[in-house]
PDB file of all heavy atoms in Angstrom:
ATOM      1  N   ARG A   1     -29.738 127.260  75.810  1.00  0.00           N
ATOM      2  CA  ARG A   1     -28.623 127.530  74.906  1.00  0.00           C
ATOM      3  C   ARG A   1     -29.163 127.847  73.529  1.00  0.00           C
ATOM      4  O   ARG A   1     -30.254 127.419  73.171  1.00  0.00           O
ATOM      5  CB  ARG A   1     -27.681 126.334  74.797  1.00  0.00           C
ATOM      6  CG  ARG A   1     -26.923 126.066  76.074  1.00  0.00           C
ATOM      7  CD  ARG A   1     -25.890 125.025  75.848  1.00  0.00           C
ATOM      8  NE  ARG A   1     -24.970 125.036  76.962  1.00  0.00           N
ATOM      9  CZ  ARG A   1     -23.726 124.677  76.874  1.00  0.00           C
ATOM     10  NH1 ARG A   1     -23.227 124.269  75.733  1.00  0.00           N
ATOM     11  NH2 ARG A   1     -22.940 124.711  77.909  1.00  0.00           N
ATOM     12  N   ASP A   2     -28.411 128.584  72.767  1.00  0.00           N
ATOM     13  CA  ASP A   2     -28.759 128.891  71.387  1.00  0.00           C
ATOM     14  C   ASP A   2     -27.809 128.142  70.474  1.00  0.00           C
ATOM     15  O   ASP A   2     -26.610 128.056  70.750  1.00  0.00           O
ATOM     16  CB  ASP A   2     -28.630 130.395  71.108  1.00  0.00           C
ATOM     17  CG  ASP A   2     -29.626 131.211  71.900  1.00  0.00           C
ATOM     18  OD1 ASP A   2     -30.767 130.755  72.056  1.00  0.00           O
ATOM     19  OD2 ASP A   2     -29.259 132.304  72.364  1.00  0.00           O
ATOM     20  N   LEU A   3     -28.339 127.616  69.389  1.00  0.00           N
ATOM     21  CA  LEU A   3     -27.514 126.974  68.382  1.00  0.00           C
ATOM     22  C   LEU A   3     -27.090 128.038  67.382  1.00  0.00           C
ATOM     23  O   LEU A   3     -27.926 128.705  66.783  1.00  0.00           O
ATOM     24  CB  LEU A   3     -28.279 125.862  67.658  1.00  0.00           C
ATOM     25  CG  LEU A   3     -27.538 125.222  66.478  1.00  0.00           C
ATOM     26  CD1 LEU A   3     -26.264 124.532  66.944  1.00  0.00           C
ATOM     27  CD2 LEU A   3     -28.439 124.254  65.750  1.00  0.00           C
ATOM     28  N   VAL A   4     -25.784 128.221  67.245  1.00  0.00           N
ATOM     29  CA  VAL A   4     -25.246 129.195  66.313  1.00  0.00           C
ATOM     30  C   VAL A   4     -24.350 128.454  65.342  1.00  0.00           C
ATOM     31  O   VAL A   4     -23.482 127.683  65.749  1.00  0.00           O
ATOM     32  CB  VAL A   4     -24.429 130.282  67.050  1.00  0.00           C
ATOM     33  CG1 VAL A   4     -23.841 131.273  66.075  1.00  0.00           C
ATOM     34  CG2 VAL A   4     -25.306 130.986  68.078  1.00  0.00           C
ATOM     35  N   VAL A   5     -24.559 128.673  64.059  1.00  0.00           N
ATOM     36  CA  VAL A   5     -23.749 128.021  63.034  1.00  0.00           C
ATOM     37  C   VAL A   5     -22.977 129.090  62.290  1.00  0.00           C
ATOM     38  O   VAL A   5     -23.549 130.080  61.835  1.00  0.00           O
ATOM     39  CB  VAL A   5     -24.634 127.220  62.055  1.00  0.00           C
ATOM     40  CG1 VAL A   5     -23.796 126.603  60.966  1.00  0.00           C
ATOM     41  CG2 VAL A   5     -25.420 126.166  62.800  1.00  0.00           C
ATOM     42  N   THR A   6     -21.685 128.895  62.179  1.00  0.00           N
ATOM     43  CA  THR A   6     -20.835 129.826  61.456  1.00  0.00           C
ATOM     44  C   THR A   6     -20.193 129.085  60.301  1.00  0.00           C
ATOM     45  O   THR A   6     -19.655 127.994  60.483  1.00  0.00           O
ATOM     46  CB  THR A   6     -19.729 130.379  62.380  1.00  0.00           C
ATOM     47  OG1 THR A   6     -20.345 130.963  63.520  1.00  0.00           O
ATOM     48  CG2 THR A   6     -18.889 131.398  61.669  1.00  0.00           C
ATOM     49  N   VAL A   7     -20.237 129.683  59.135  1.00  0.00           N
ATOM     50  CA  VAL A   7     -19.595 129.091  57.976  1.00  0.00           C
ATOM     51  C   VAL A   7     -18.299 129.846  57.745  1.00  0.00           C
ATOM     52  O   VAL A   7     -18.294 131.074  57.626  1.00  0.00           O
ATOM     53  CB  VAL A   7     -20.501 129.183  56.726  1.00  0.00           C
ATOM     54  CG1 VAL A   7     -19.799 128.622  55.516  1.00  0.00           C
ATOM     55  CG2 VAL A   7     -21.818 128.466  56.988  1.00  0.00           C
ATOM     56  N   MET A   8     -17.200 129.110  57.711  1.00  0.00           N
ATOM     57  CA  MET A   8     -15.900 129.738  57.526  1.00  0.00           C
ATOM     58  C   MET A   8     -14.950 128.757  56.875  1.00  0.00           C
ATOM     59  O   MET A   8     -15.304 127.596  56.680  1.00  0.00           O
ATOM     60  CB  MET A   8     -15.341 130.199  58.866  1.00  0.00           C
ATOM     61  CG  MET A   8     -15.255 129.099  59.906  1.00  0.00           C
ATOM     62  SD  MET A   8     -14.966 129.754  61.522  1.00  0.00           S
ATOM     63  CE  MET A   8     -13.503 128.906  61.986  1.00  0.00           C
ATOM     64  N   LYS A   9     -13.785 129.218  56.564  1.00  0.00           N
ATOM     65  CA  LYS A   9     -12.834 128.335  55.907  1.00  0.00           C
ATOM     66  C   LYS A   9     -12.364 127.231  56.864  1.00  0.00           C
ATOM     67  O   LYS A   9     -12.450 127.382  58.078  1.00  0.00           O
ATOM     68  CB  LYS A   9     -11.672 129.131  55.329  1.00  0.00           C
ATOM     69  CG  LYS A   9     -10.714 129.682  56.338  1.00  0.00           C
ATOM     70  CD  LYS A   9      -9.671 130.621  55.750  1.00  0.00           C
ATOM     71  CE  LYS A   9      -8.844 129.949  54.716  1.00  0.00           C
ATOM     72  NZ  LYS A   9      -7.746 130.766  54.229  1.00  0.00           N
ATOM     73  N   HIS A  10     -11.894 126.168  56.297  1.00  0.00           N
ATOM     74  CA  HIS A  10     -11.439 125.016  57.063  1.00  0.00           C
ATOM     75  C   HIS A  10      -9.997 125.240  57.523  1.00  0.00           C
ATOM     76  O   HIS A  10      -9.104 125.410  56.708  1.00  0.00           O
ATOM     77  CB  HIS A  10     -11.531 123.764  56.203  1.00  0.00           C
ATOM     78  CG  HIS A  10     -11.092 122.524  56.910  1.00  0.00           C
ATOM     79  ND1 HIS A  10     -11.860 121.927  57.880  1.00  0.00           N
ATOM     80  CD2 HIS A  10      -9.969 121.790  56.808  1.00  0.00           C
ATOM     81  CE1 HIS A  10     -11.219 120.864  58.334  1.00  0.00           C
ATOM     82  NE2 HIS A  10     -10.078 120.758  57.698  1.00  0.00           N
ATOM     83  N   TYR A  11      -9.792 125.258  58.835  1.00  0.00           N
ATOM     84  CA  TYR A  11      -8.456 125.403  59.394  1.00  0.00           C
ATOM     85  C   TYR A  11      -7.874 124.034  59.695  1.00  0.00           C
ATOM     86  O   TYR A  11      -8.605 123.065  59.888  1.00  0.00           O
ATOM     87  CB  TYR A  11      -8.483 126.235  60.675  1.00  0.00           C
ATOM     88  CG  TYR A  11      -8.958 127.648  60.477  1.00  0.00           C
ATOM     89  CD1 TYR A  11     -10.094 128.118  61.130  1.00  0.00           C
ATOM     90  CD2 TYR A  11      -8.282 128.518  59.639  1.00  0.00           C
ATOM     91  CE1 TYR A  11     -10.536 129.415  60.957  1.00  0.00           C
ATOM     92  CE2 TYR A  11      -8.715 129.823  59.465  1.00  0.00           C
ATOM     93  CZ  TYR A  11      -9.835 130.262  60.121  1.00  0.00           C
ATOM     94  OH  TYR A  11     -10.271 131.539  59.938  1.00  0.00           O
ATOM     95  N   GLN A  12      -6.562 123.974  59.798  1.00  0.00           N
ATOM     96  CA  GLN A  12      -5.875 122.737  60.155  1.00  0.00           C
ATOM     97  C   GLN A  12      -5.548 122.756  61.640  1.00  0.00           C
ATOM     98  O   GLN A  12      -5.299 123.818  62.205  1.00  0.00           O
ATOM     99  CB  GLN A  12      -4.577 122.598  59.359  1.00  0.00           C
ATOM    100  CG  GLN A  12      -4.772 122.578  57.869  1.00  0.00           C
ATOM    101  CD  GLN A  12      -3.437 122.689  57.140  1.00  0.00           C
ATOM    102  OE1 GLN A  12      -2.481 123.271  57.627  1.00  0.00           O
ATOM    103  NE2 GLN A  12      -3.390 122.111  55.953  1.00  0.00           N
ATOM    104  N   PRO A  13      -5.525 121.606  62.286  1.00  0.00           N
ATOM    105  CA  PRO A  13      -5.132 121.573  63.700  1.00  0.00           C
ATOM    106  C   PRO A  13      -3.671 122.005  63.860  1.00  0.00           C
ATOM    107  O   PRO A  13      -2.866 121.842  62.948  1.00  0.00           O
ATOM    108  CB  PRO A  13      -5.298 120.119  64.108  1.00  0.00           C
ATOM    109  CG  PRO A  13      -5.768 119.383  62.918  1.00  0.00           C
ATOM    110  CD  PRO A  13      -5.867 120.295  61.766  1.00  0.00           C
ATOM    111  N   LEU A  14      -3.351 122.536  65.008  1.00  0.00           N
ATOM    112  CA  LEU A  14      -1.990 122.997  65.278  1.00  0.00           C
ATOM    113  C   LEU A  14      -0.974 121.878  65.100  1.00  0.00           C
ATOM    114  O   LEU A  14       0.151 122.105  64.660  1.00  0.00           O
ATOM    115  CB  LEU A  14      -1.910 123.587  66.690  1.00  0.00           C
ATOM    116  CG  LEU A  14      -0.578 124.180  67.118  1.00  0.00           C
ATOM    117  CD1 LEU A  14      -0.155 125.316  66.196  1.00  0.00           C
ATOM    118  CD2 LEU A  14      -0.662 124.676  68.545  1.00  0.00           C
ATOM    119  N   ARG A  15      -1.383 120.656  65.371  1.00  0.00           N
ATOM    120  CA  ARG A  15      -0.466 119.514  65.226  1.00  0.00           C
ATOM    121  C   ARG A  15      -0.048 119.284  63.779  1.00  0.00           C
ATOM    122  O   ARG A  15       0.861 118.521  63.507  1.00  0.00           O
ATOM    123  CB  ARG A  15      -1.080 118.257  65.808  1.00  0.00           C
ATOM    124  CG  ARG A  15      -2.256 117.724  65.040  1.00  0.00           C
ATOM    125  CD  ARG A  15      -2.790 116.431  65.635  1.00  0.00           C
ATOM    126  NE  ARG A  15      -3.980 116.024  64.951  1.00  0.00           N
ATOM    127  CZ  ARG A  15      -5.209 116.353  65.311  1.00  0.00           C
ATOM    128  NH1 ARG A  15      -5.395 117.105  66.365  1.00  0.00           N
ATOM    129  NH2 ARG A  15      -6.243 115.947  64.621  1.00  0.00           N
ATOM    130  N   SER A  16      -0.720 119.935  62.831  1.00  0.00           N
ATOM    131  CA  SER A  16      -0.362 119.766  61.422  1.00  0.00           C
ATOM    132  C   SER A  16       0.799 120.662  61.010  1.00  0.00           C
ATOM    133  O   SER A  16       1.143 120.702  59.826  1.00  0.00           O
ATOM    134  CB  SER A  16      -1.570 120.021  60.532  1.00  0.00           C
ATOM    135  OG  SER A  16      -1.940 121.384  60.586  1.00  0.00           O
ATOM    136  N   ALA A  17       1.399 121.361  61.950  1.00  0.00           N
ATOM    137  CA  ALA A  17       2.585 122.175  61.639  1.00  0.00           C
ATOM    138  C   ALA A  17       3.640 121.282  60.995  1.00  0.00           C
ATOM    139  O   ALA A  17       3.803 120.120  61.368  1.00  0.00           O
ATOM    140  CB  ALA A  17       3.125 122.817  62.909  1.00  0.00           C
ATOM    141  N   ARG A  18       4.333 121.822  60.012  1.00  0.00           N
ATOM    142  CA  ARG A  18       5.295 121.026  59.247  1.00  0.00           C
ATOM    143  C   ARG A  18       6.584 120.746  60.003  1.00  0.00           C
ATOM    144  O   ARG A  18       7.293 119.785  59.692  1.00  0.00           O
ATOM    145  CB  ARG A  18       5.607 121.750  57.939  1.00  0.00           C
ATOM    146  CG  ARG A  18       4.401 121.848  57.048  1.00  0.00           C
ATOM    147  CD  ARG A  18       4.694 122.641  55.797  1.00  0.00           C
ATOM    148  NE  ARG A  18       3.488 122.740  54.996  1.00  0.00           N
ATOM    149  CZ  ARG A  18       3.160 123.798  54.288  1.00  0.00           C
ATOM    150  NH1 ARG A  18       3.949 124.855  54.255  1.00  0.00           N
ATOM    151  NH2 ARG A  18       2.045 123.815  53.600  1.00  0.00           N
ATOM    152  N   ASN A  19       6.896 121.592  60.976  1.00  0.00           N
ATOM    153  CA  ASN A  19       8.117 121.399  61.762  1.00  0.00           C
ATOM    154  C   ASN A  19       7.976 122.169  63.072  1.00  0.00           C
ATOM    155  O   ASN A  19       6.996 122.892  63.278  1.00  0.00           O
ATOM    156  CB  ASN A  19       9.356 121.846  60.971  1.00  0.00           C
ATOM    157  CG  ASN A  19       9.222 123.266  60.467  1.00  0.00           C
ATOM    158  OD1 ASN A  19       8.909 124.179  61.223  1.00  0.00           O
ATOM    159  ND2 ASN A  19       9.433 123.451  59.166  1.00  0.00           N
ATOM    160  N   LEU A  20       8.960 122.033  63.925  1.00  0.00           N
ATOM    161  CA  LEU A  20       8.901 122.666  65.242  1.00  0.00           C
ATOM    162  C   LEU A  20       8.893 124.191  65.133  1.00  0.00           C
ATOM    163  O   LEU A  20       8.170 124.868  65.866  1.00  0.00           O
ATOM    164  CB  LEU A  20      10.075 122.203  66.102  1.00  0.00           C
ATOM    165  CG  LEU A  20      10.116 122.730  67.528  1.00  0.00           C
ATOM    166  CD1 LEU A  20       8.851 122.347  68.288  1.00  0.00           C
ATOM    167  CD2 LEU A  20      11.344 122.208  68.247  1.00  0.00           C
ATOM    168  N   GLY A  21       9.651 124.748  64.195  1.00  0.00           N
ATOM    169  CA  GLY A  21       9.680 126.193  64.020  1.00  0.00           C
ATOM    170  C   GLY A  21       8.316 126.749  63.637  1.00  0.00           C
ATOM    171  O   GLY A  21       7.887 127.790  64.146  1.00  0.00           O
ATOM    172  N   GLU A  22       7.628 126.056  62.763  1.00  0.00           N
ATOM    173  CA  GLU A  22       6.297 126.482  62.353  1.00  0.00           C
ATOM    174  C   GLU A  22       5.316 126.359  63.524  1.00  0.00           C
ATOM    175  O   GLU A  22       4.450 127.215  63.711  1.00  0.00           O
ATOM    176  CB  GLU A  22       5.838 125.644  61.166  1.00  0.00           C
ATOM    177  CG  GLU A  22       4.588 126.152  60.519  1.00  0.00           C
ATOM    178  CD  GLU A  22       4.257 125.437  59.228  1.00  0.00           C
ATOM    179  OE1 GLU A  22       3.595 124.384  59.287  1.00  0.00           O
ATOM    180  OE2 GLU A  22       4.667 125.944  58.163  1.00  0.00           O
ATOM    181  N   TYR A  23       5.461 125.301  64.307  1.00  0.00           N
ATOM    182  CA  TYR A  23       4.610 125.119  65.484  1.00  0.00           C
ATOM    183  C   TYR A  23       4.810 126.287  66.454  1.00  0.00           C
ATOM    184  O   TYR A  23       3.844 126.869  66.946  1.00  0.00           O
ATOM    185  CB  TYR A  23       4.935 123.793  66.184  1.00  0.00           C
ATOM    186  CG  TYR A  23       4.091 123.540  67.397  1.00  0.00           C
ATOM    187  CD1 TYR A  23       2.887 122.855  67.292  1.00  0.00           C
ATOM    188  CD2 TYR A  23       4.476 123.998  68.658  1.00  0.00           C
ATOM    189  CE1 TYR A  23       2.092 122.631  68.406  1.00  0.00           C
ATOM    190  CE2 TYR A  23       3.688 123.789  69.767  1.00  0.00           C
ATOM    191  CZ  TYR A  23       2.498 123.099  69.639  1.00  0.00           C
ATOM    192  OH  TYR A  23       1.704 122.899  70.745  1.00  0.00           O
ATOM    193  N   LYS A  24       6.068 126.626  66.730  1.00  0.00           N
ATOM    194  CA  LYS A  24       6.353 127.708  67.676  1.00  0.00           C
ATOM    195  C   LYS A  24       5.796 129.038  67.186  1.00  0.00           C
ATOM    196  O   LYS A  24       5.208 129.788  67.961  1.00  0.00           O
ATOM    197  CB  LYS A  24       7.858 127.825  67.922  1.00  0.00           C
ATOM    198  CG  LYS A  24       8.437 126.658  68.706  1.00  0.00           C
ATOM    199  CD  LYS A  24       9.850 126.890  69.166  1.00  0.00           C
ATOM    200  CE  LYS A  24      10.824 127.012  68.032  1.00  0.00           C
ATOM    201  NZ  LYS A  24      12.227 127.050  68.483  1.00  0.00           N
ATOM    202  N   LYS A  25       5.950 129.326  65.899  1.00  0.00           N
ATOM    203  CA  LYS A  25       5.456 130.582  65.338  1.00  0.00           C
ATOM    204  C   LYS A  25       3.932 130.654  65.464  1.00  0.00           C
ATOM    205  O   LYS A  25       3.372 131.664  65.884  1.00  0.00           O
ATOM    206  CB  LYS A  25       5.887 130.703  63.874  1.00  0.00           C
ATOM    207  CG  LYS A  25       5.672 132.091  63.282  1.00  0.00           C
ATOM    208  CD  LYS A  25       4.405 132.096  62.446  1.00  0.00           C
ATOM    209  CE  LYS A  25       4.228 133.443  61.752  1.00  0.00           C
ATOM    210  NZ  LYS A  25       2.861 133.924  61.837  1.00  0.00           N
ATOM    211  N   ALA A  26       3.244 129.582  65.123  1.00  0.00           N
ATOM    212  CA  ALA A  26       1.787 129.552  65.225  1.00  0.00           C
ATOM    213  C   ALA A  26       1.342 129.655  66.685  1.00  0.00           C
ATOM    214  O   ALA A  26       0.355 130.330  66.992  1.00  0.00           O
ATOM    215  CB  ALA A  26       1.231 128.283  64.581  1.00  0.00           C
ATOM    216  N   PHE A  27       2.068 129.010  67.594  1.00  0.00           N
ATOM    217  CA  PHE A  27       1.710 129.054  69.014  1.00  0.00           C
ATOM    218  C   PHE A  27       1.815 130.480  69.551  1.00  0.00           C
ATOM    219  O   PHE A  27       0.939 130.946  70.282  1.00  0.00           O
ATOM    220  CB  PHE A  27       2.595 128.102  69.827  1.00  0.00           C
ATOM    221  CG  PHE A  27       2.057 127.821  71.195  1.00  0.00           C
ATOM    222  CD1 PHE A  27       1.158 126.793  71.401  1.00  0.00           C
ATOM    223  CD2 PHE A  27       2.428 128.602  72.275  1.00  0.00           C
ATOM    224  CE1 PHE A  27       0.633 126.540  72.667  1.00  0.00           C
ATOM    225  CE2 PHE A  27       1.916 128.362  73.537  1.00  0.00           C
ATOM    226  CZ  PHE A  27       1.018 127.329  73.740  1.00  0.00           C
ATOM    227  N   VAL A  28       2.864 131.180  69.177  1.00  0.00           N
ATOM    228  CA  VAL A  28       3.016 132.583  69.596  1.00  0.00           C
ATOM    229  C   VAL A  28       1.873 133.418  69.029  1.00  0.00           C
ATOM    230  O   VAL A  28       1.322 134.282  69.723  1.00  0.00           O
ATOM    231  CB  VAL A  28       4.398 133.137  69.175  1.00  0.00           C
ATOM    232  CG1 VAL A  28       4.468 134.644  69.361  1.00  0.00           C
ATOM    233  CG2 VAL A  28       5.508 132.461  69.970  1.00  0.00           C
ATOM    234  N   ASP A  29       1.497 133.181  67.766  1.00  0.00           N
ATOM    235  CA  ASP A  29       0.349 133.878  67.179  1.00  0.00           C
ATOM    236  C   ASP A  29      -0.904 133.664  68.025  1.00  0.00           C
ATOM    237  O   ASP A  29      -1.688 134.595  68.239  1.00  0.00           O
ATOM    238  CB  ASP A  29       0.053 133.370  65.763  1.00  0.00           C
ATOM    239  CG  ASP A  29       1.062 133.810  64.731  1.00  0.00           C
ATOM    240  OD1 ASP A  29       1.885 134.703  65.023  1.00  0.00           O
ATOM    241  OD2 ASP A  29       1.031 133.254  63.612  1.00  0.00           O
ATOM    242  N   LEU A  30      -1.105 132.448  68.493  1.00  0.00           N
ATOM    243  CA  LEU A  30      -2.291 132.113  69.276  1.00  0.00           C
ATOM    244  C   LEU A  30      -2.314 132.849  70.617  1.00  0.00           C
ATOM    245  O   LEU A  30      -3.349 133.370  71.025  1.00  0.00           O
ATOM    246  CB  LEU A  30      -2.360 130.605  69.493  1.00  0.00           C
ATOM    247  CG  LEU A  30      -2.674 129.808  68.235  1.00  0.00           C
ATOM    248  CD1 LEU A  30      -2.231 128.366  68.379  1.00  0.00           C
ATOM    249  CD2 LEU A  30      -4.143 129.903  67.902  1.00  0.00           C
ATOM    250  N   VAL A  31      -1.172 132.901  71.279  1.00  0.00           N
ATOM    251  CA  VAL A  31      -1.099 133.607  72.562  1.00  0.00           C
ATOM    252  C   VAL A  31      -1.334 135.104  72.338  1.00  0.00           C
ATOM    253  O   VAL A  31      -2.040 135.757  73.116  1.00  0.00           O
ATOM    254  CB  VAL A  31       0.246 133.341  73.264  1.00  0.00           C
ATOM    255  CG1 VAL A  31       0.385 134.180  74.525  1.00  0.00           C
ATOM    256  CG2 VAL A  31       0.390 131.858  73.598  1.00  0.00           C
ATOM    257  N   GLU A  32      -0.769 135.647  71.252  1.00  0.00           N
ATOM    258  CA  GLU A  32      -0.981 137.062  70.945  1.00  0.00           C
ATOM    259  C   GLU A  32      -2.445 137.341  70.600  1.00  0.00           C
ATOM    260  O   GLU A  32      -3.005 138.358  71.019  1.00  0.00           O
ATOM    261  CB  GLU A  32      -0.078 137.504  69.800  1.00  0.00           C
ATOM    262  CG  GLU A  32       1.371 137.618  70.196  1.00  0.00           C
ATOM    263  CD  GLU A  32       2.286 137.978  69.038  1.00  0.00           C
ATOM    264  OE1 GLU A  32       1.841 137.982  67.866  1.00  0.00           O
ATOM    265  OE2 GLU A  32       3.468 138.269  69.303  1.00  0.00           O
TER     266      GLU A  32
END
């Protein structure tokens, strides 16, 4: 295996969605 390190911005877990509507919108983005 190769060790690869990527530096990028810090994302929040999907569970950090503020409400159900935001969760659904982000989930659709992920499937797309």
